[in-house]
Amino acid sequence: MENFLTTKQVQELFKIDRITVYRMLGDGRLKGVKIGNQWRFPQKEVEKLLSGETIELPVVNESDSIFPIHCVQTIQDLFTSVSHYSAVIIDQKGEKVTQISQPSPICKLLLATEKGREICDATWRKIAEQAKGREELFTCHAGLKYFGSVIQAQNKKQGVFLAGEFYLDSVDAEAEKEILRETARLCGIDEQEIMNAYQKVPHLSQAEQLHLAAQPAAAAYAVESILNERSAFMERLQQIASLTQKL
């Protein structure tokens, strides 16, 4: 039978306060089950966090502390299943928060190479810096287009919801292909393979562009509501923790 630890025992092991335990629980770093009104934590899971060269609280980047990954990934995947476009969420620094939902064939080829991943990372950083509003059009280094919407929470930009991986109907196809040939050379991708992938990427008409442009904003609003509710929840936990520490 598996052994469980109390919240107080976890606090003592990590040398942290109760609110930090709840934060670790909320962002997925710590797994627990609620028995009645009390949280209990599988000892094996806690020991995994304690294993390593040093015994300390795991380092977590800003995206992990702000975005509840499971929730926003679910919203993104649902968006993709309805819209049939690829989607990804990046934070305010351009770091990927989620795994790309239904990446295009071109994207898959790029992400399979080290240089391609570097190119994609540079694209996310550039988009995060440029993004200001709700219905914006962005272009990646490989020439693919995305519509994006800024995610606002706690009175500041927290990230961007991106949807797309398409081309514009009116753009010169030869210019698009030349960008891809150069990208293929940089990444060591077979030119014919990337040209085959190009044929599978949609070219959107103006009407289709207008329809897609507004969709990321709706998804961004959903993510914002989760972030705001989570922030309010954590504030309430902080108040409770402060009260219990005085007892």
C-alpha atoms as a PDB file:
ATOM      1  CA  MET A   1       0.000   0.000   0.000  1.00  0.00           C
ATOM      2  CA  GLU A   2       1.370   3.383  -0.991  1.00  0.00           C
ATOM      3  CA  ASN A   3       2.408   5.780   1.762  1.00  0.00           C
ATOM      4  CA  PHE A   4       1.120   9.351   1.790  1.00  0.00           C
ATOM      5  CA  LEU A   5       2.560  12.474   3.382  1.00  0.00           C
ATOM      6  CA  THR A   6       0.662  15.338   4.972  1.00  0.00           C
ATOM      7  CA  THR A   7       0.999  18.966   3.875  1.00  0.00           C
ATOM      8  CA  LYS A   8       3.025  19.695   7.004  1.00  0.00           C
ATOM      9  CA  GLN A   9       5.434  16.849   6.253  1.00  0.00           C
ATOM     10  CA  VAL A  10       5.969  18.168   2.709  1.00  0.00           C
ATOM     11  CA  GLN A  11       6.607  21.640   4.133  1.00  0.00           C
ATOM     12  CA  GLU A  12       9.247  20.257   6.469  1.00  0.00           C
ATOM     13  CA  LEU A  13      10.960  18.226   3.744  1.00  0.00           C
ATOM     14  CA  PHE A  14      11.254  21.153   1.323  1.00  0.00           C
ATOM     15  CA  LYS A  15      11.641  23.853   4.010  1.00  0.00           C
ATOM     16  CA  ILE A  16       8.801  25.858   2.473  1.00  0.00           C
ATOM     17  CA  ASP A  17       5.520  27.357   3.679  1.00  0.00           C
ATOM     18  CA  ARG A  18       2.043  25.949   3.073  1.00  0.00           C
ATOM     19  CA  ILE A  19       1.168  28.353   0.234  1.00  0.00           C
ATOM     20  CA  THR A  20       4.222  27.175  -1.728  1.00  0.00           C
ATOM     21  CA  VAL A  21       3.019  23.591  -1.369  1.00  0.00           C
ATOM     22  CA  TYR A  22      -0.335  24.652  -2.850  1.00  0.00           C
ATOM     23  CA  ARG A  23       1.415  26.458  -5.678  1.00  0.00           C
ATOM     24  CA  MET A  24       3.428  23.348  -6.507  1.00  0.00           C
ATOM     25  CA  LEU A  25       0.196  21.378  -6.442  1.00  0.00           C
ATOM     26  CA  GLY A  26      -1.558  23.903  -8.672  1.00  0.00           C
ATOM     27  CA  ASP A  27       1.129  24.045 -11.373  1.00  0.00           C
ATOM     28  CA  GLY A  28       1.656  20.297 -11.494  1.00  0.00           C
ATOM     29  CA  ARG A  29       5.079  20.008  -9.886  1.00  0.00           C
ATOM     30  CA  LEU A  30       3.556  18.123  -6.966  1.00  0.00           C
ATOM     31  CA  LYS A  31       0.895  15.422  -7.208  1.00  0.00           C
ATOM     32  CA  GLY A  32      -1.680  14.976  -4.470  1.00  0.00           C
ATOM     33  CA  VAL A  33      -5.103  13.610  -3.578  1.00  0.00           C
ATOM     34  CA  LYS A  34      -7.729  15.192  -1.379  1.00  0.00           C
ATOM     35  CA  ILE A  35      -9.046  13.024   1.436  1.00  0.00           C
ATOM     36  CA  GLY A  36     -11.933  14.806   3.074  1.00  0.00           C
ATOM     37  CA  ASN A  37     -10.690  18.359   3.610  1.00  0.00           C
ATOM     38  CA  GLN A  38      -7.016  17.433   3.720  1.00  0.00           C
ATOM     39  CA  TRP A  39      -4.416  17.025   0.985  1.00  0.00           C
ATOM     40  CA  ARG A  40      -2.210  13.951   0.978  1.00  0.00           C
ATOM     41  CA  PHE A  41       0.868  13.492  -1.209  1.00  0.00           C
ATOM     42  CA  PRO A  42       2.271  10.151  -2.488  1.00  0.00           C
ATOM     43  CA  GLN A  43       5.623   9.637  -0.792  1.00  0.00           C
ATOM     44  CA  LYS A  44       7.186   8.276  -4.002  1.00  0.00           C
ATOM     45  CA  GLU A  45       6.279  11.463  -5.905  1.00  0.00           C
ATOM     46  CA  VAL A  46       7.730  13.648  -3.173  1.00  0.00           C
ATOM     47  CA  GLU A  47      10.910  11.570  -3.151  1.00  0.00           C
ATOM     48  CA  LYS A  48      11.257  12.113  -6.909  1.00  0.00           C
ATOM     49  CA  LEU A  49      11.379  15.860  -6.306  1.00  0.00           C
ATOM     50  CA  LEU A  50      13.928  15.365  -3.552  1.00  0.00           C
ATOM     51  CA  SER A  51      16.189  13.118  -5.618  1.00  0.00           C
ATOM     52  CA  GLY A  52      19.292  14.532  -7.260  1.00  0.00           C
ATOM     53  CA  GLU A  53      22.581  16.110  -6.264  1.00  0.00           C
ATOM     54  CA  THR A  54      20.944  18.682  -3.985  1.00  0.00           C
ATOM     55  CA  ILE A  55      17.744  18.735  -1.983  1.00  0.00           C
ATOM     56  CA  GLU A  56      15.974  21.907  -2.996  1.00  0.00           C
ATOM     57  CA  LEU A  57      12.787  23.177  -4.548  1.00  0.00           C
ATOM     58  CA  PRO A  58      12.793  22.542  -8.321  1.00  0.00           C
ATOM     59  CA  VAL A  59      13.545  25.597 -10.429  1.00  0.00           C
ATOM     60  CA  VAL A  60      10.514  26.650 -12.468  1.00  0.00           C
ATOM     61  CA  ASN A  61      10.470  29.213 -15.270  1.00  0.00           C
ATOM     62  CA  GLU A  62       7.954  32.037 -15.471  1.00  0.00           C
ATOM     63  CA  SER A  63       5.639  30.220 -17.863  1.00  0.00           C
ATOM     64  CA  ASP A  64       5.270  27.295 -15.443  1.00  0.00           C
ATOM     65  CA  SER A  65       4.357  29.623 -12.589  1.00  0.00           C
ATOM     66  CA  ILE A  66       1.760  31.586 -14.587  1.00  0.00           C
ATOM     67  CA  PHE A  67       0.127  29.081 -16.936  1.00  0.00           C
ATOM     68  CA  PRO A  68      -1.562  25.912 -15.659  1.00  0.00           C
ATOM     69  CA  ILE A  69      -0.219  23.803 -18.499  1.00  0.00           C
ATOM     70  CA  HIS A  70      -2.832  21.044 -18.528  1.00  0.00           C
ATOM     71  CA  CYS A  71      -5.728  23.523 -18.665  1.00  0.00           C
ATOM     72  CA  VAL A  72      -4.356  25.743 -21.424  1.00  0.00           C
ATOM     73  CA  GLN A  73      -3.189  22.757 -23.467  1.00  0.00           C
ATOM     74  CA  THR A  74      -6.743  21.403 -23.325  1.00  0.00           C
ATOM     75  CA  ILE A  75      -8.165  24.722 -24.547  1.00  0.00           C
ATOM     76  CA  GLN A  76      -5.616  24.830 -27.355  1.00  0.00           C
ATOM     77  CA  ASP A  77      -6.279  21.245 -28.434  1.00  0.00           C
ATOM     78  CA  LEU A  78     -10.038  21.916 -28.437  1.00  0.00           C
ATOM     79  CA  PHE A  79      -9.492  25.035 -30.536  1.00  0.00           C
ATOM     80  CA  THR A  80      -7.509  23.003 -33.060  1.00  0.00           C
ATOM     81  CA  SER A  81     -10.080  20.225 -33.235  1.00  0.00           C
ATOM     82  CA  VAL A  82     -12.781  22.768 -34.088  1.00  0.00           C
ATOM     83  CA  SER A  83     -10.815  25.145 -36.332  1.00  0.00           C
ATOM     84  CA  HIS A  84      -8.567  22.506 -37.987  1.00  0.00           C
ATOM     85  CA  TYR A  85      -5.596  24.890 -37.750  1.00  0.00           C
ATOM     86  CA  SER A  86      -2.381  24.445 -35.833  1.00  0.00           C
ATOM     87  CA  ALA A  87      -2.069  26.335 -32.561  1.00  0.00           C
ATOM     88  CA  VAL A  88       0.487  27.105 -29.874  1.00  0.00           C
ATOM     89  CA  ILE A  89       0.759  29.367 -26.831  1.00  0.00           C
ATOM     90  CA  ILE A  90       3.965  31.271 -26.097  1.00  0.00           C
ATOM     91  CA  ASP A  91       4.777  33.383 -23.066  1.00  0.00           C
ATOM     92  CA  GLN A  92       5.773  37.044 -23.045  1.00  0.00           C
ATOM     93  CA  LYS A  93       9.413  36.104 -23.687  1.00  0.00           C
ATOM     94  CA  GLY A  94       8.600  33.842 -26.638  1.00  0.00           C
ATOM     95  CA  GLU A  95       9.077  30.549 -24.799  1.00  0.00           C
ATOM     96  CA  LYS A  96       6.613  27.817 -25.774  1.00  0.00           C
ATOM     97  CA  VAL A  97       4.071  27.192 -23.035  1.00  0.00           C
ATOM     98  CA  THR A  98       2.260  24.352 -24.808  1.00  0.00           C
ATOM     99  CA  GLN A  99       3.042  21.632 -27.289  1.00  0.00           C
ATOM    100  CA  ILE A 100       2.009  22.599 -30.833  1.00  0.00           C
ATOM    101  CA  SER A 101      -1.403  21.173 -31.678  1.00  0.00           C
ATOM    102  CA  GLN A 102      -1.502  19.536 -35.123  1.00  0.00           C
ATOM    103  CA  PRO A 103       1.686  21.098 -36.538  1.00  0.00           C
ATOM    104  CA  SER A 104       1.844  21.396 -40.307  1.00  0.00           C
ATOM    105  CA  PRO A 105       4.087  19.069 -42.355  1.00  0.00           C
ATOM    106  CA  ILE A 106       6.602  21.893 -42.785  1.00  0.00           C
ATOM    107  CA  CYS A 107       6.670  22.557 -39.065  1.00  0.00           C
ATOM    108  CA  LYS A 108       7.254  18.867 -38.349  1.00  0.00           C
ATOM    109  CA  LEU A 109      10.246  18.820 -40.698  1.00  0.00           C
ATOM    110  CA  LEU A 110      11.780  21.878 -39.052  1.00  0.00           C
ATOM    111  CA  LEU A 111      11.266  20.650 -35.501  1.00  0.00           C
ATOM    112  CA  ALA A 112      12.966  17.370 -36.379  1.00  0.00           C
ATOM    113  CA  THR A 113      16.305  19.204 -36.823  1.00  0.00           C
ATOM    114  CA  GLU A 114      18.389  21.154 -34.334  1.00  0.00           C
ATOM    115  CA  LYS A 115      18.758  24.147 -36.664  1.00  0.00           C
ATOM    116  CA  GLY A 116      15.039  24.069 -37.402  1.00  0.00           C
ATOM    117  CA  ARG A 117      14.228  24.220 -33.696  1.00  0.00           C
ATOM    118  CA  GLU A 118      16.568  27.203 -33.351  1.00  0.00           C
ATOM    119  CA  ILE A 119      14.742  28.936 -36.210  1.00  0.00           C
ATOM    120  CA  CYS A 120      11.348  28.229 -34.625  1.00  0.00           C
ATOM    121  CA  ASP A 121      12.525  29.473 -31.225  1.00  0.00           C
ATOM    122  CA  ALA A 122      13.721  32.696 -32.861  1.00  0.00           C
ATOM    123  CA  THR A 123      10.287  33.078 -34.489  1.00  0.00           C
ATOM    124  CA  TRP A 124       8.484  32.727 -31.153  1.00  0.00           C
ATOM    125  CA  ARG A 125      10.732  35.336 -29.541  1.00  0.00           C
ATOM    126  CA  LYS A 126      10.194  37.768 -32.393  1.00  0.00           C
ATOM    127  CA  ILE A 127       6.412  37.306 -32.317  1.00  0.00           C
ATOM    128  CA  ALA A 128       6.284  37.746 -28.534  1.00  0.00           C
ATOM    129  CA  GLU A 129       8.139  41.036 -28.872  1.00  0.00           C
ATOM    130  CA  GLN A 130       5.953  42.304 -31.718  1.00  0.00           C
ATOM    131  CA  ALA A 131       2.520  41.206 -30.456  1.00  0.00           C
ATOM    132  CA  LYS A 132       0.379  44.059 -29.152  1.00  0.00           C
ATOM    133  CA  GLY A 133      -3.285  43.328 -29.897  1.00  0.00           C
ATOM    134  CA  ARG A 134      -6.019  40.825 -30.656  1.00  0.00           C
ATOM    135  CA  GLU A 135      -6.026  40.165 -34.403  1.00  0.00           C
ATOM    136  CA  GLU A 136      -2.486  40.334 -35.725  1.00  0.00           C
ATOM    137  CA  LEU A 137      -0.800  38.554 -38.602  1.00  0.00           C
ATOM    138  CA  PHE A 138       2.689  37.114 -38.111  1.00  0.00           C
ATOM    139  CA  THR A 139       5.172  35.373 -40.397  1.00  0.00           C
ATOM    140  CA  CYS A 140       7.695  32.752 -39.304  1.00  0.00           C
ATOM    141  CA  HIS A 141      11.221  32.340 -40.710  1.00  0.00           C
ATOM    142  CA  ALA A 142       9.944  29.665 -43.101  1.00  0.00           C
ATOM    143  CA  GLY A 143       7.277  32.012 -44.492  1.00  0.00           C
ATOM    144  CA  LEU A 144       4.291  30.386 -42.755  1.00  0.00           C
ATOM    145  CA  LYS A 145       1.584  32.741 -41.502  1.00  0.00           C
ATOM    146  CA  TYR A 146      -0.149  32.870 -38.105  1.00  0.00           C
ATOM    147  CA  PHE A 147      -2.925  34.932 -36.623  1.00  0.00           C
ATOM    148  CA  GLY A 148      -2.322  35.769 -32.999  1.00  0.00           C
ATOM    149  CA  SER A 149      -3.964  37.326 -29.985  1.00  0.00           C
ATOM    150  CA  VAL A 150      -2.213  38.689 -26.922  1.00  0.00           C
ATOM    151  CA  ILE A 151      -3.127  36.984 -23.628  1.00  0.00           C
ATOM    152  CA  GLN A 152      -3.671  39.594 -20.927  1.00  0.00           C
ATOM    153  CA  ALA A 153      -3.878  38.787 -17.213  1.00  0.00           C
ATOM    154  CA  GLN A 154      -2.958  40.574 -14.001  1.00  0.00           C
ATOM    155  CA  ASN A 155      -2.945  43.826 -16.005  1.00  0.00           C
ATOM    156  CA  LYS A 156      -0.097  42.851 -18.301  1.00  0.00           C
ATOM    157  CA  LYS A 157       0.739  40.779 -21.374  1.00  0.00           C
ATOM    158  CA  GLN A 158       1.404  37.199 -20.335  1.00  0.00           C
ATOM    159  CA  GLY A 159       1.752  35.597 -23.754  1.00  0.00           C
ATOM    160  CA  VAL A 160       0.274  35.087 -27.211  1.00  0.00           C
ATOM    161  CA  PHE A 161      -2.182  32.534 -28.599  1.00  0.00           C
ATOM    162  CA  LEU A 162      -1.165  31.672 -32.176  1.00  0.00           C
ATOM    163  CA  ALA A 163      -3.171  29.830 -34.809  1.00  0.00           C
ATOM    164  CA  GLY A 164      -2.411  29.107 -38.429  1.00  0.00           C
ATOM    165  CA  GLU A 165       0.486  27.700 -40.394  1.00  0.00           C
ATOM    166  CA  PHE A 166      -0.945  28.815 -43.715  1.00  0.00           C
ATOM    167  CA  TYR A 167      -0.056  30.963 -46.711  1.00  0.00           C
ATOM    168  CA  LEU A 168      -1.888  33.907 -48.218  1.00  0.00           C
ATOM    169  CA  ASP A 169      -3.827  33.270 -51.385  1.00  0.00           C
ATOM    170  CA  SER A 170      -2.428  36.342 -53.146  1.00  0.00           C
ATOM    171  CA  VAL A 171       1.296  35.808 -52.448  1.00  0.00           C
ATOM    172  CA  ASP A 172       3.755  34.710 -55.154  1.00  0.00           C
ATOM    173  CA  ALA A 173       4.150  30.948 -54.798  1.00  0.00           C
ATOM    174  CA  GLU A 174       7.676  31.007 -56.215  1.00  0.00           C
ATOM    175  CA  ALA A 175       8.759  33.474 -53.544  1.00  0.00           C
ATOM    176  CA  GLU A 176       7.328  31.159 -50.884  1.00  0.00           C
ATOM    177  CA  LYS A 177       9.147  28.170 -52.340  1.00  0.00           C
ATOM    178  CA  GLU A 178      12.451  30.042 -52.494  1.00  0.00           C
ATOM    179  CA  ILE A 179      12.186  30.852 -48.770  1.00  0.00           C
ATOM    180  CA  LEU A 180      11.550  27.176 -48.110  1.00  0.00           C
ATOM    181  CA  ARG A 181      14.501  26.068 -50.256  1.00  0.00           C
ATOM    182  CA  GLU A 182      16.800  28.354 -48.278  1.00  0.00           C
ATOM    183  CA  THR A 183      15.313  27.092 -45.009  1.00  0.00           C
ATOM    184  CA  ALA A 184      15.822  23.495 -46.151  1.00  0.00           C
ATOM    185  CA  ARG A 185      19.484  24.216 -46.939  1.00  0.00           C
ATOM    186  CA  LEU A 186      20.030  25.791 -43.513  1.00  0.00           C
ATOM    187  CA  CYS A 187      18.410  22.870 -41.700  1.00  0.00           C
ATOM    188  CA  GLY A 188      19.782  20.049 -43.828  1.00  0.00           C
ATOM    189  CA  ILE A 189      16.318  19.026 -45.013  1.00  0.00           C
ATOM    190  CA  ASP A 190      15.840  17.367 -48.390  1.00  0.00           C
ATOM    191  CA  GLU A 191      14.480  19.988 -50.795  1.00  0.00           C
ATOM    192  CA  GLN A 192      11.963  17.660 -52.404  1.00  0.00           C
ATOM    193  CA  GLU A 193      10.687  16.627 -48.995  1.00  0.00           C
ATOM    194  CA  ILE A 194      10.003  20.207 -47.955  1.00  0.00           C
ATOM    195  CA  MET A 195       8.381  20.937 -51.332  1.00  0.00           C
ATOM    196  CA  ASN A 196       6.064  17.984 -50.799  1.00  0.00           C
ATOM    197  CA  ALA A 197       5.191  19.385 -47.373  1.00  0.00           C
ATOM    198  CA  TYR A 198       4.522  22.783 -48.957  1.00  0.00           C
ATOM    199  CA  GLN A 199       1.802  21.271 -51.138  1.00  0.00           C
ATOM    200  CA  LYS A 200      -0.114  20.246 -48.010  1.00  0.00           C
ATOM    201  CA  VAL A 201      -0.213  23.726 -46.442  1.00  0.00           C
ATOM    202  CA  PRO A 202      -3.417  25.693 -47.168  1.00  0.00           C
ATOM    203  CA  HIS A 203      -3.483  29.011 -49.023  1.00  0.00           C
ATOM    204  CA  LEU A 204      -6.263  31.115 -47.520  1.00  0.00           C
ATOM    205  CA  SER A 205      -8.541  33.440 -49.435  1.00  0.00           C
ATOM    206  CA  GLN A 206      -9.390  36.862 -47.944  1.00  0.00           C
ATOM    207  CA  ALA A 207     -12.694  35.502 -46.650  1.00  0.00           C
ATOM    208  CA  GLU A 208     -10.933  32.581 -44.969  1.00  0.00           C
ATOM    209  CA  GLN A 209      -8.362  34.939 -43.480  1.00  0.00           C
ATOM    210  CA  LEU A 210     -11.088  37.141 -42.002  1.00  0.00           C
ATOM    211  CA  HIS A 211     -12.782  34.110 -40.505  1.00  0.00           C
ATOM    212  CA  LEU A 212      -9.589  32.797 -38.903  1.00  0.00           C
ATOM    213  CA  ALA A 213      -8.300  36.192 -37.729  1.00  0.00           C
ATOM    214  CA  ALA A 214     -10.921  36.542 -34.990  1.00  0.00           C
ATOM    215  CA  GLN A 215     -10.661  32.998 -33.652  1.00  0.00           C
ATOM    216  CA  PRO A 216      -7.421  33.200 -31.606  1.00  0.00           C
ATOM    217  CA  ALA A 217      -8.914  36.090 -29.605  1.00  0.00           C
ATOM    218  CA  ALA A 218     -11.748  33.846 -28.399  1.00  0.00           C
ATOM    219  CA  ALA A 219      -9.234  31.228 -27.269  1.00  0.00           C
ATOM    220  CA  ALA A 220      -7.074  33.908 -25.642  1.00  0.00           C
ATOM    221  CA  TYR A 221     -10.090  35.133 -23.647  1.00  0.00           C
ATOM    222  CA  ALA A 222     -10.646  31.590 -22.368  1.00  0.00           C
ATOM    223  CA  VAL A 223      -7.007  31.327 -21.269  1.00  0.00           C
ATOM    224  CA  GLU A 224      -7.220  34.750 -19.623  1.00  0.00           C
ATOM    225  CA  SER A 225     -10.248  33.718 -17.576  1.00  0.00           C
ATOM    226  CA  ILE A 226      -8.317  30.707 -16.254  1.00  0.00           C
ATOM    227  CA  LEU A 227      -5.270  32.826 -15.395  1.00  0.00           C
ATOM    228  CA  ASN A 228      -7.390  35.427 -13.598  1.00  0.00           C
ATOM    229  CA  GLU A 229      -9.347  32.795 -11.675  1.00  0.00           C
ATOM    230  CA  ARG A 230      -6.116  31.037 -10.748  1.00  0.00           C
ATOM    231  CA  SER A 231      -4.615  34.312  -9.552  1.00  0.00           C
ATOM    232  CA  ALA A 232      -7.671  34.996  -7.390  1.00  0.00           C
ATOM    233  CA  PHE A 233      -7.524  31.446  -6.025  1.00  0.00           C
ATOM    234  CA  MET A 234      -3.856  31.777  -5.113  1.00  0.00           C
ATOM    235  CA  GLU A 235      -4.576  35.078  -3.350  1.00  0.00           C
ATOM    236  CA  ARG A 236      -7.262  33.367  -1.274  1.00  0.00           C
ATOM    237  CA  LEU A 237      -4.838  30.571  -0.438  1.00  0.00           C
ATOM    238  CA  GLN A 238      -2.282  33.164   0.626  1.00  0.00           C
ATOM    239  CA  GLN A 239      -4.837  34.759   2.934  1.00  0.00           C
ATOM    240  CA  ILE A 240      -5.712  31.367   4.411  1.00  0.00           C
ATOM    241  CA  ALA A 241      -2.051  30.486   4.872  1.00  0.00           C
ATOM    242  CA  SER A 242      -1.408  33.818   6.586  1.00  0.00           C
ATOM    243  CA  LEU A 243      -4.288  33.205   8.975  1.00  0.00           C
ATOM    244  CA  THR A 244      -3.203  29.644   9.812  1.00  0.00           C
ATOM    245  CA  GLN A 245       0.373  30.764  10.472  1.00  0.00           C
ATOM    246  CA  LYS A 246      -0.937  33.142  13.136  1.00  0.00           C
ATOM    247  CA  LEU A 247      -2.771  30.344  14.976  1.00  0.00           C
END
